[in-house]
Amino acid sequence: MRLLLSLAACLVAAPAFAALSPFYDSAERIDIIMSSPEVADALGQAPVRSIENTGTRDDGASEWTVRTQQCDLVVYLVAIPPDGPGMTTYRLDLPKGCD
């Protein structure tokens, strides 16, 4: 009976193995931000000094701040969970330009 319960627990947890590690998930998020033409245009094509995760919006979107010498640009990444096992993807939300 214990063996059956152990096997069942392993099968239930199996979809979790498809998730990325926090390091690779952060790298994926940064790649989405840095490869966005909208972000590049909002920054005026200026070189980036830093990019950091600065919080979470009320709807759960992660807030990121991209800094250049002239401005701080706040962008949001909205998580799009997979339909089944697989990786979470993200949609970029750019509500306004540089501050």
PDB file of N, CA and C in Angstrom:
ATOM      1  N   MET A   1       0.815  -1.185   0.000  1.00  0.00           N
ATOM      2  CA  MET A   1       0.000   0.000   0.000  1.00  0.00           C
ATOM      3  C   MET A   1       0.871   1.267   0.000  1.00  0.00           C
ATOM      4  N   ARG A   2       1.938   1.241   0.806  1.00  0.00           N
ATOM      5  CA  ARG A   2       2.851   2.390   0.828  1.00  0.00           C
ATOM      6  C   ARG A   2       3.474   2.626  -0.542  1.00  0.00           C
ATOM      7  N   LEU A   3       3.811   1.547  -1.213  1.00  0.00           N
ATOM      8  CA  LEU A   3       4.411   1.651  -2.539  1.00  0.00           C
ATOM      9  C   LEU A   3       3.447   2.342  -3.508  1.00  0.00           C
ATOM     10  N   LEU A   4       2.188   1.980  -3.464  1.00  0.00           N
ATOM     11  CA  LEU A   4       1.196   2.616  -4.332  1.00  0.00           C
ATOM     12  C   LEU A   4       1.050   4.097  -4.023  1.00  0.00           C
ATOM     13  N   LEU A   5       1.040   4.438  -2.747  1.00  0.00           N
ATOM     14  CA  LEU A   5       0.941   5.847  -2.361  1.00  0.00           C
ATOM     15  C   LEU A   5       2.173   6.627  -2.803  1.00  0.00           C
ATOM     16  N   SER A   6       3.336   6.028  -2.691  1.00  0.00           N
ATOM     17  CA  SER A   6       4.572   6.683  -3.133  1.00  0.00           C
ATOM     18  C   SER A   6       4.572   6.904  -4.635  1.00  0.00           C
ATOM     19  N   LEU A   7       4.141   5.905  -5.384  1.00  0.00           N
ATOM     20  CA  LEU A   7       4.069   6.045  -6.837  1.00  0.00           C
ATOM     21  C   LEU A   7       3.053   7.106  -7.242  1.00  0.00           C
ATOM     22  N   ALA A   8       1.930   7.128  -6.577  1.00  0.00           N
ATOM     23  CA  ALA A   8       0.909   8.133  -6.875  1.00  0.00           C
ATOM     24  C   ALA A   8       1.436   9.534  -6.588  1.00  0.00           C
ATOM     25  N   ALA A   9       2.161   9.705  -5.490  1.00  0.00           N
ATOM     26  CA  ALA A   9       2.728  11.013  -5.157  1.00  0.00           C
ATOM     27  C   ALA A   9       3.740  11.458  -6.213  1.00  0.00           C
ATOM     28  N   CYS A  10       4.523  10.526  -6.724  1.00  0.00           N
ATOM     29  CA  CYS A  10       5.496  10.863  -7.770  1.00  0.00           C
ATOM     30  C   CYS A  10       4.799  11.282  -9.056  1.00  0.00           C
ATOM     31  N   LEU A  11       3.738  10.604  -9.412  1.00  0.00           N
ATOM     32  CA  LEU A  11       3.017  10.937 -10.638  1.00  0.00           C
ATOM     33  C   LEU A  11       2.322  12.289 -10.531  1.00  0.00           C
ATOM     34  N   VAL A  12       1.788  12.605  -9.367  1.00  0.00           N
ATOM     35  CA  VAL A  12       1.134  13.894  -9.171  1.00  0.00           C
ATOM     36  C   VAL A  12       2.161  15.021  -9.266  1.00  0.00           C
ATOM     37  N   ALA A  13       3.354  14.815  -8.780  1.00  0.00           N
ATOM     38  CA  ALA A  13       4.394  15.843  -8.783  1.00  0.00           C
ATOM     39  C   ALA A  13       5.134  15.944 -10.108  1.00  0.00           C
ATOM     40  N   ALA A  14       4.920  15.016 -11.026  1.00  0.00           N
ATOM     41  CA  ALA A  14       5.673  14.981 -12.274  1.00  0.00           C
ATOM     42  C   ALA A  14       5.626  16.282 -13.070  1.00  0.00           C
ATOM     43  N   PRO A  15       4.480  16.989 -13.227  1.00  0.00           N
ATOM     44  CA  PRO A  15       4.495  18.230 -13.999  1.00  0.00           C
ATOM     45  C   PRO A  15       5.425  19.297 -13.437  1.00  0.00           C
ATOM     46  N   ALA A  16       5.714  19.242 -12.161  1.00  0.00           N
ATOM     47  CA  ALA A  16       6.606  20.230 -11.558  1.00  0.00           C
ATOM     48  C   ALA A  16       8.026  20.115 -12.105  1.00  0.00           C
ATOM     49  N   PHE A  17       8.398  18.963 -12.598  1.00  0.00           N
ATOM     50  CA  PHE A  17       9.735  18.792 -13.136  1.00  0.00           C
ATOM     51  C   PHE A  17       9.968  19.603 -14.400  1.00  0.00           C
ATOM     52  N   ALA A  18       8.887  20.039 -15.045  1.00  0.00           N
ATOM     53  CA  ALA A  18       9.010  20.812 -16.283  1.00  0.00           C
ATOM     54  C   ALA A  18       9.329  22.285 -16.005  1.00  0.00           C
ATOM     55  N   ALA A  19       9.197  22.718 -14.778  1.00  0.00           N
ATOM     56  CA  ALA A  19       9.434  24.121 -14.441  1.00  0.00           C
ATOM     57  C   ALA A  19      10.926  24.466 -14.530  1.00  0.00           C
ATOM     58  N   LEU A  20      11.211  25.714 -14.870  1.00  0.00           N
ATOM     59  CA  LEU A  20      12.598  26.181 -14.915  1.00  0.00           C
ATOM     60  C   LEU A  20      13.085  26.505 -13.519  1.00  0.00           C
ATOM     61  N   SER A  21      14.378  26.442 -13.327  1.00  0.00           N
ATOM     62  CA  SER A  21      14.942  26.883 -12.059  1.00  0.00           C
ATOM     63  C   SER A  21      14.754  28.393 -11.966  1.00  0.00           C
ATOM     64  N   PRO A  22      14.760  28.957 -10.762  1.00  0.00           N
ATOM     65  CA  PRO A  22      14.598  30.414 -10.623  1.00  0.00           C
ATOM     66  C   PRO A  22      15.631  31.205 -11.428  1.00  0.00           C
ATOM     67  N   PHE A  23      16.864  30.707 -11.530  1.00  0.00           N
ATOM     68  CA  PHE A  23      17.892  31.403 -12.308  1.00  0.00           C
ATOM     69  C   PHE A  23      17.491  31.499 -13.779  1.00  0.00           C
ATOM     70  N   TYR A  24      17.114  30.367 -14.364  1.00  0.00           N
ATOM     71  CA  TYR A  24      16.764  30.350 -15.782  1.00  0.00           C
ATOM     72  C   TYR A  24      15.447  31.074 -16.055  1.00  0.00           C
ATOM     73  N   ASP A  25      14.521  31.053 -15.088  1.00  0.00           N
ATOM     74  CA  ASP A  25      13.278  31.807 -15.240  1.00  0.00           C
ATOM     75  C   ASP A  25      13.575  33.307 -15.263  1.00  0.00           C
ATOM     76  N   SER A  26      14.464  33.766 -14.383  1.00  0.00           N
ATOM     77  CA  SER A  26      14.864  35.185 -14.389  1.00  0.00           C
ATOM     78  C   SER A  26      15.562  35.550 -15.692  1.00  0.00           C
ATOM     79  N   ALA A  27      16.418  34.672 -16.171  1.00  0.00           N
ATOM     80  CA  ALA A  27      17.107  34.924 -17.442  1.00  0.00           C
ATOM     81  C   ALA A  27      16.101  35.027 -18.578  1.00  0.00           C
ATOM     82  N   GLU A  28      15.082  34.184 -18.562  1.00  0.00           N
ATOM     83  CA  GLU A  28      14.029  34.234 -19.584  1.00  0.00           C
ATOM     84  C   GLU A  28      13.292  35.576 -19.529  1.00  0.00           C
ATOM     85  N   ARG A  29      12.973  36.030 -18.333  1.00  0.00           N
ATOM     86  CA  ARG A  29      12.274  37.310 -18.171  1.00  0.00           C
ATOM     87  C   ARG A  29      13.137  38.478 -18.659  1.00  0.00           C
ATOM     88  N   ILE A  30      14.401  38.473 -18.302  1.00  0.00           N
ATOM     89  CA  ILE A  30      15.309  39.540 -18.742  1.00  0.00           C
ATOM     90  C   ILE A  30      15.446  39.528 -20.257  1.00  0.00           C
ATOM     91  N   ASP A  31      15.518  38.344 -20.848  1.00  0.00           N
ATOM     92  CA  ASP A  31      15.617  38.238 -22.301  1.00  0.00           C
ATOM     93  C   ASP A  31      14.385  38.830 -22.981  1.00  0.00           C
ATOM     94  N   ILE A  32      13.210  38.572 -22.445  1.00  0.00           N
ATOM     95  CA  ILE A  32      11.978  39.134 -23.011  1.00  0.00           C
ATOM     96  C   ILE A  32      12.033  40.658 -22.979  1.00  0.00           C
ATOM     97  N   ILE A  33      12.475  41.216 -21.871  1.00  0.00           N
ATOM     98  CA  ILE A  33      12.551  42.675 -21.732  1.00  0.00           C
ATOM     99  C   ILE A  33      13.586  43.252 -22.689  1.00  0.00           C
ATOM    100  N   MET A  34      14.788  42.675 -22.694  1.00  0.00           N
ATOM    101  CA  MET A  34      15.883  43.243 -23.474  1.00  0.00           C
ATOM    102  C   MET A  34      15.719  43.029 -24.982  1.00  0.00           C
ATOM    103  N   SER A  35      14.930  42.059 -25.398  1.00  0.00           N
ATOM    104  CA  SER A  35      14.740  41.843 -26.831  1.00  0.00           C
ATOM    105  C   SER A  35      13.508  42.556 -27.379  1.00  0.00           C
ATOM    106  N   SER A  36      12.846  43.338 -26.539  1.00  0.00           N
ATOM    107  CA  SER A  36      11.633  44.033 -26.966  1.00  0.00           C
ATOM    108  C   SER A  36      11.954  45.331 -27.709  1.00  0.00           C
ATOM    109  N   PRO A  37      11.468  45.494 -28.936  1.00  0.00           N
ATOM    110  CA  PRO A  37      11.669  46.750 -29.666  1.00  0.00           C
ATOM    111  C   PRO A  37      10.972  47.929 -28.969  1.00  0.00           C
ATOM    112  N   GLU A  38       9.856  47.650 -28.289  1.00  0.00           N
ATOM    113  CA  GLU A  38       9.141  48.716 -27.568  1.00  0.00           C
ATOM    114  C   GLU A  38       9.989  49.266 -26.427  1.00  0.00           C
ATOM    115  N   VAL A  39      10.676  48.379 -25.716  1.00  0.00           N
ATOM    116  CA  VAL A  39      11.559  48.816 -24.632  1.00  0.00           C
ATOM    117  C   VAL A  39      12.724  49.618 -25.205  1.00  0.00           C
ATOM    118  N   ALA A  40      13.325  49.131 -26.270  1.00  0.00           N
ATOM    119  CA  ALA A  40      14.446  49.846 -26.895  1.00  0.00           C
ATOM    120  C   ALA A  40      14.030  51.249 -27.321  1.00  0.00           C
ATOM    121  N   ASP A  41      12.841  51.365 -27.917  1.00  0.00           N
ATOM    122  CA  ASP A  41      12.363  52.683 -28.345  1.00  0.00           C
ATOM    123  C   ASP A  41      12.046  53.579 -27.155  1.00  0.00           C
ATOM    124  N   ALA A  42      11.440  53.018 -26.109  1.00  0.00           N
ATOM    125  CA  ALA A  42      11.119  53.809 -24.921  1.00  0.00           C
ATOM    126  C   ALA A  42      12.380  54.337 -24.244  1.00  0.00           C
ATOM    127  N   LEU A  43      13.468  53.581 -24.346  1.00  0.00           N
ATOM    128  CA  LEU A  43      14.746  54.006 -23.760  1.00  0.00           C
ATOM    129  C   LEU A  43      15.529  54.920 -24.700  1.00  0.00           C
ATOM    130  N   GLY A  44      14.995  55.193 -25.865  1.00  0.00           N
ATOM    131  CA  GLY A  44      15.705  56.017 -26.840  1.00  0.00           C
ATOM    132  C   GLY A  44      16.979  55.356 -27.334  1.00  0.00           C
ATOM    133  N   GLN A  45      16.992  54.017 -27.339  1.00  0.00           N
ATOM    134  CA  GLN A  45      18.147  53.234 -27.787  1.00  0.00           C
ATOM    135  C   GLN A  45      19.399  53.482 -26.929  1.00  0.00           C
ATOM    136  N   ALA A  46      19.212  54.035 -25.727  1.00  0.00           N
ATOM    137  CA  ALA A  46      20.344  54.324 -24.829  1.00  0.00           C
ATOM    138  C   ALA A  46      20.880  53.025 -24.216  1.00  0.00           C
ATOM    139  N   PRO A  47      22.163  53.007 -23.855  1.00  0.00           N
ATOM    140  CA  PRO A  47      22.725  51.811 -23.213  1.00  0.00           C
ATOM    141  C   PRO A  47      22.117  51.592 -21.822  1.00  0.00           C
ATOM    142  N   VAL A  48      21.898  50.340 -21.473  1.00  0.00           N
ATOM    143  CA  VAL A  48      21.288  49.983 -20.194  1.00  0.00           C
ATOM    144  C   VAL A  48      22.363  49.918 -19.116  1.00  0.00           C
ATOM    145  N   ARG A  49      22.088  50.606 -17.992  1.00  0.00           N
ATOM    146  CA  ARG A  49      22.996  50.540 -16.837  1.00  0.00           C
ATOM    147  C   ARG A  49      22.647  49.384 -15.927  1.00  0.00           C
ATOM    148  N   SER A  50      21.330  49.157 -15.731  1.00  0.00           N
ATOM    149  CA  SER A  50      20.918  48.046 -14.867  1.00  0.00           C
ATOM    150  C   SER A  50      19.483  47.645 -15.183  1.00  0.00           C
ATOM    151  N   ILE A  51      19.170  46.427 -14.790  1.00  0.00           N
ATOM    152  CA  ILE A  51      17.801  45.924 -14.870  1.00  0.00           C
ATOM    153  C   ILE A  51      17.570  45.112 -13.612  1.00  0.00           C
ATOM    154  N   GLU A  52      16.438  45.375 -12.945  1.00  0.00           N
ATOM    155  CA  GLU A  52      16.179  44.646 -11.708  1.00  0.00           C
ATOM    156  C   GLU A  52      14.691  44.435 -11.485  1.00  0.00           C
ATOM    157  N   ASN A  53      14.387  43.358 -10.791  1.00  0.00           N
ATOM    158  CA  ASN A  53      13.021  43.067 -10.398  1.00  0.00           C
ATOM    159  C   ASN A  53      12.706  43.935  -9.198  1.00  0.00           C
ATOM    160  N   THR A  54      11.690  44.797  -9.323  1.00  0.00           N
ATOM    161  CA  THR A  54      11.421  45.781  -8.272  1.00  0.00           C
ATOM    162  C   THR A  54      10.088  45.591  -7.578  1.00  0.00           C
ATOM    163  N   GLY A  55       9.404  44.495  -7.827  1.00  0.00           N
ATOM    164  CA  GLY A  55       8.158  44.251  -7.102  1.00  0.00           C
ATOM    165  C   GLY A  55       7.143  43.483  -7.912  1.00  0.00           C
ATOM    166  N   THR A  56       5.912  43.547  -7.421  1.00  0.00           N
ATOM    167  CA  THR A  56       4.793  42.858  -8.055  1.00  0.00           C
ATOM    168  C   THR A  56       3.594  43.793  -8.090  1.00  0.00           C
ATOM    169  N   ARG A  57       2.954  43.871  -9.234  1.00  0.00           N
ATOM    170  CA  ARG A  57       1.752  44.680  -9.386  1.00  0.00           C
ATOM    171  C   ARG A  57       0.581  43.964  -8.714  1.00  0.00           C
ATOM    172  N   ASP A  58      -0.504  44.698  -8.438  1.00  0.00           N
ATOM    173  CA  ASP A  58      -1.669  44.125  -7.757  1.00  0.00           C
ATOM    174  C   ASP A  58      -2.238  42.895  -8.461  1.00  0.00           C
ATOM    175  N   ASP A  59      -2.135  42.841  -9.786  1.00  0.00           N
ATOM    176  CA  ASP A  59      -2.670  41.689 -10.520  1.00  0.00           C
ATOM    177  C   ASP A  59      -1.681  40.523 -10.605  1.00  0.00           C
ATOM    178  N   GLY A  60      -0.534  40.642  -9.950  1.00  0.00           N
ATOM    179  CA  GLY A  60       0.457  39.569  -9.912  1.00  0.00           C
ATOM    180  C   GLY A  60       1.567  39.688 -10.937  1.00  0.00           C
ATOM    181  N   ALA A  61       1.480  40.670 -11.841  1.00  0.00           N
ATOM    182  CA  ALA A  61       2.545  40.867 -12.836  1.00  0.00           C
ATOM    183  C   ALA A  61       3.822  41.308 -12.129  1.00  0.00           C
ATOM    184  N   SER A  62       4.960  40.780 -12.564  1.00  0.00           N
ATOM    185  CA  SER A  62       6.221  41.170 -11.946  1.00  0.00           C
ATOM    186  C   SER A  62       6.696  42.503 -12.531  1.00  0.00           C
ATOM    187  N   GLU A  63       7.135  43.382 -11.649  1.00  0.00           N
ATOM    188  CA  GLU A  63       7.607  44.714 -12.049  1.00  0.00           C
ATOM    189  C   GLU A  63       9.117  44.692 -12.193  1.00  0.00           C
ATOM    190  N   TRP A  64       9.590  45.241 -13.300  1.00  0.00           N
ATOM    191  CA  TRP A  64      11.019  45.340 -13.570  1.00  0.00           C
ATOM    192  C   TRP A  64      11.344  46.785 -13.901  1.00  0.00           C
ATOM    193  N   THR A  65      12.489  47.263 -13.435  1.00  0.00           N
ATOM    194  CA  THR A  65      12.948  48.613 -13.752  1.00  0.00           C
ATOM    195  C   THR A  65      14.228  48.513 -14.565  1.00  0.00           C
ATOM    196  N   VAL A  66      14.203  49.158 -15.726  1.00  0.00           N
ATOM    197  CA  VAL A  66      15.364  49.214 -16.609  1.00  0.00           C
ATOM    198  C   VAL A  66      15.908  50.632 -16.511  1.00  0.00           C
ATOM    199  N   ARG A  67      17.184  50.753 -16.123  1.00  0.00           N
ATOM    200  CA  ARG A  67      17.774  52.069 -15.921  1.00  0.00           C
ATOM    201  C   ARG A  67      18.826  52.371 -16.983  1.00  0.00           C
ATOM    202  N   THR A  68      18.754  53.604 -17.478  1.00  0.00           N
ATOM    203  CA  THR A  68      19.804  54.147 -18.324  1.00  0.00           C
ATOM    204  C   THR A  68      20.311  55.386 -17.618  1.00  0.00           C
ATOM    205  N   GLN A  69      21.244  56.076 -18.216  1.00  0.00           N
ATOM    206  CA  GLN A  69      21.754  57.286 -17.585  1.00  0.00           C
ATOM    207  C   GLN A  69      20.685  58.373 -17.531  1.00  0.00           C
ATOM    208  N   GLN A  70      19.782  58.387 -18.523  1.00  0.00           N
ATOM    209  CA  GLN A  70      18.790  59.444 -18.603  1.00  0.00           C
ATOM    210  C   GLN A  70      17.434  59.092 -17.987  1.00  0.00           C
ATOM    211  N   CYS A  71      17.089  57.805 -17.857  1.00  0.00           N
ATOM    212  CA  CYS A  71      15.738  57.496 -17.386  1.00  0.00           C
ATOM    213  C   CYS A  71      15.646  56.143 -16.694  1.00  0.00           C
ATOM    214  N   ASP A  72      14.534  55.981 -15.986  1.00  0.00           N
ATOM    215  CA  ASP A  72      14.152  54.707 -15.384  1.00  0.00           C
ATOM    216  C   ASP A  72      12.848  54.282 -16.040  1.00  0.00           C
ATOM    217  N   LEU A  73      12.846  53.120 -16.662  1.00  0.00           N
ATOM    218  CA  LEU A  73      11.663  52.611 -17.353  1.00  0.00           C
ATOM    219  C   LEU A  73      11.108  51.435 -16.566  1.00  0.00           C
ATOM    220  N   VAL A  74       9.829  51.521 -16.195  1.00  0.00           N
ATOM    221  CA  VAL A  74       9.168  50.433 -15.476  1.00  0.00           C
ATOM    222  C   VAL A  74       8.355  49.626 -16.479  1.00  0.00           C
ATOM    223  N   VAL A  75       8.605  48.323 -16.497  1.00  0.00           N
ATOM    224  CA  VAL A  75       7.858  47.400 -17.347  1.00  0.00           C
ATOM    225  C   VAL A  75       7.299  46.280 -16.470  1.00  0.00           C
ATOM    226  N   TYR A  76       6.280  45.613 -16.970  1.00  0.00           N
ATOM    227  CA  TYR A  76       5.660  44.506 -16.246  1.00  0.00           C
ATOM    228  C   TYR A  76       5.651  43.270 -17.121  1.00  0.00           C
ATOM    229  N   LEU A  77       5.820  42.126 -16.491  1.00  0.00           N
ATOM    230  CA  LEU A  77       5.730  40.850 -17.175  1.00  0.00           C
ATOM    231  C   LEU A  77       4.556  40.082 -16.589  1.00  0.00           C
ATOM    232  N   VAL A  78       3.573  39.781 -17.442  1.00  0.00           N
ATOM    233  CA  VAL A  78       2.387  39.041 -17.041  1.00  0.00           C
ATOM    234  C   VAL A  78       2.629  37.570 -17.371  1.00  0.00           C
ATOM    235  N   ALA A  79       2.514  36.719 -16.347  1.00  0.00           N
ATOM    236  CA  ALA A  79       2.752  35.282 -16.528  1.00  0.00           C
ATOM    237  C   ALA A  79       1.611  34.642 -17.315  1.00  0.00           C
ATOM    238  N   ILE A  80       1.980  33.788 -18.260  1.00  0.00           N
ATOM    239  CA  ILE A  80       1.010  33.006 -19.019  1.00  0.00           C
ATOM    240  C   ILE A  80       1.341  31.537 -18.755  1.00  0.00           C
ATOM    241  N   PRO A  81       0.593  30.903 -17.844  1.00  0.00           N
ATOM    242  CA  PRO A  81       0.895  29.510 -17.518  1.00  0.00           C
ATOM    243  C   PRO A  81       0.594  28.592 -18.704  1.00  0.00           C
ATOM    244  N   PRO A  82       1.317  27.485 -18.789  1.00  0.00           N
ATOM    245  CA  PRO A  82       1.072  26.547 -19.895  1.00  0.00           C
ATOM    246  C   PRO A  82      -0.261  25.825 -19.703  1.00  0.00           C
ATOM    247  N   ASP A  83      -0.827  25.321 -20.799  1.00  0.00           N
ATOM    248  CA  ASP A  83      -2.081  24.561 -20.727  1.00  0.00           C
ATOM    249  C   ASP A  83      -1.887  23.219 -20.031  1.00  0.00           C
ATOM    250  N   GLY A  84      -0.710  22.678 -20.133  1.00  0.00           N
ATOM    251  CA  GLY A  84      -0.385  21.399 -19.505  1.00  0.00           C
ATOM    252  C   GLY A  84       1.016  21.498 -18.948  1.00  0.00           C
ATOM    253  N   PRO A  85       1.741  20.412 -18.908  1.00  0.00           N
ATOM    254  CA  PRO A  85       3.129  20.486 -18.467  1.00  0.00           C
ATOM    255  C   PRO A  85       3.928  21.379 -19.418  1.00  0.00           C
ATOM    256  N   GLY A  86       4.813  22.137 -18.872  1.00  0.00           N
ATOM    257  CA  GLY A  86       5.639  23.006 -19.695  1.00  0.00           C
ATOM    258  C   GLY A  86       6.056  24.255 -18.963  1.00  0.00           C
ATOM    259  N   MET A  87       6.668  25.128 -19.699  1.00  0.00           N
ATOM    260  CA  MET A  87       7.261  26.331 -19.144  1.00  0.00           C
ATOM    261  C   MET A  87       6.260  27.488 -19.155  1.00  0.00           C
ATOM    262  N   THR A  88       6.284  28.295 -18.115  1.00  0.00           N
ATOM    263  CA  THR A  88       5.491  29.522 -18.083  1.00  0.00           C
ATOM    264  C   THR A  88       6.129  30.523 -19.039  1.00  0.00           C
ATOM    265  N   THR A  89       5.307  31.183 -19.840  1.00  0.00           N
ATOM    266  CA  THR A  89       5.797  32.242 -20.714  1.00  0.00           C
ATOM    267  C   THR A  89       5.300  33.573 -20.166  1.00  0.00           C
ATOM    268  N   TYR A  90       5.777  34.665 -20.738  1.00  0.00           N
ATOM    269  CA  TYR A  90       5.450  35.989 -20.216  1.00  0.00           C
ATOM    270  C   TYR A  90       5.079  36.937 -21.348  1.00  0.00           C
ATOM    271  N   ARG A  91       4.151  37.836 -21.039  1.00  0.00           N
ATOM    272  CA  ARG A  91       3.755  38.896 -21.958  1.00  0.00           C
ATOM    273  C   ARG A  91       4.225  40.214 -21.362  1.00  0.00           C
ATOM    274  N   LEU A  92       4.878  41.036 -22.171  1.00  0.00           N
ATOM    275  CA  LEU A  92       5.403  42.321 -21.727  1.00  0.00           C
ATOM    276  C   LEU A  92       4.284  43.357 -21.700  1.00  0.00           C
ATOM    277  N   ASP A  93       4.223  44.125 -20.622  1.00  0.00           N
ATOM    278  CA  ASP A  93       3.280  45.241 -20.502  1.00  0.00           C
ATOM    279  C   ASP A  93       4.103  46.492 -20.234  1.00  0.00           C
ATOM    280  N   LEU A  94       4.031  47.450 -21.143  1.00  0.00           N
ATOM    281  CA  LEU A  94       4.797  48.693 -21.046  1.00  0.00           C
ATOM    282  C   LEU A  94       3.788  49.841 -20.933  1.00  0.00           C
ATOM    283  N   PRO A  95       3.390  50.188 -19.688  1.00  0.00           N
ATOM    284  CA  PRO A  95       2.300  51.158 -19.521  1.00  0.00           C
ATOM    285  C   PRO A  95       2.659  52.606 -19.874  1.00  0.00           C
ATOM    286  N   LYS A  96       3.914  53.008 -19.714  1.00  0.00           N
ATOM    287  CA  LYS A  96       4.285  54.385 -20.024  1.00  0.00           C
ATOM    288  C   LYS A  96       5.778  54.448 -20.346  1.00  0.00           C
ATOM    289  N   GLY A  97       6.248  55.619 -20.720  1.00  0.00           N
ATOM    290  CA  GLY A  97       7.647  55.788 -21.070  1.00  0.00           C
ATOM    291  C   GLY A  97       8.542  56.010 -19.868  1.00  0.00           C
ATOM    292  N   CYS A  98       9.694  56.576 -20.117  1.00  0.00           N
ATOM    293  CA  CYS A  98      10.698  56.799 -19.069  1.00  0.00           C
ATOM    294  C   CYS A  98      10.265  57.856 -18.065  1.00  0.00           C
ATOM    295  N   ASP A  99      10.736  57.657 -16.842  1.00  0.00           N
ATOM    296  CA  ASP A  99      10.554  58.658 -15.776  1.00  0.00           C
ATOM    297  C   ASP A  99      11.812  59.475 -15.633  1.00  0.00           C
TER     298      ASP A  99
END
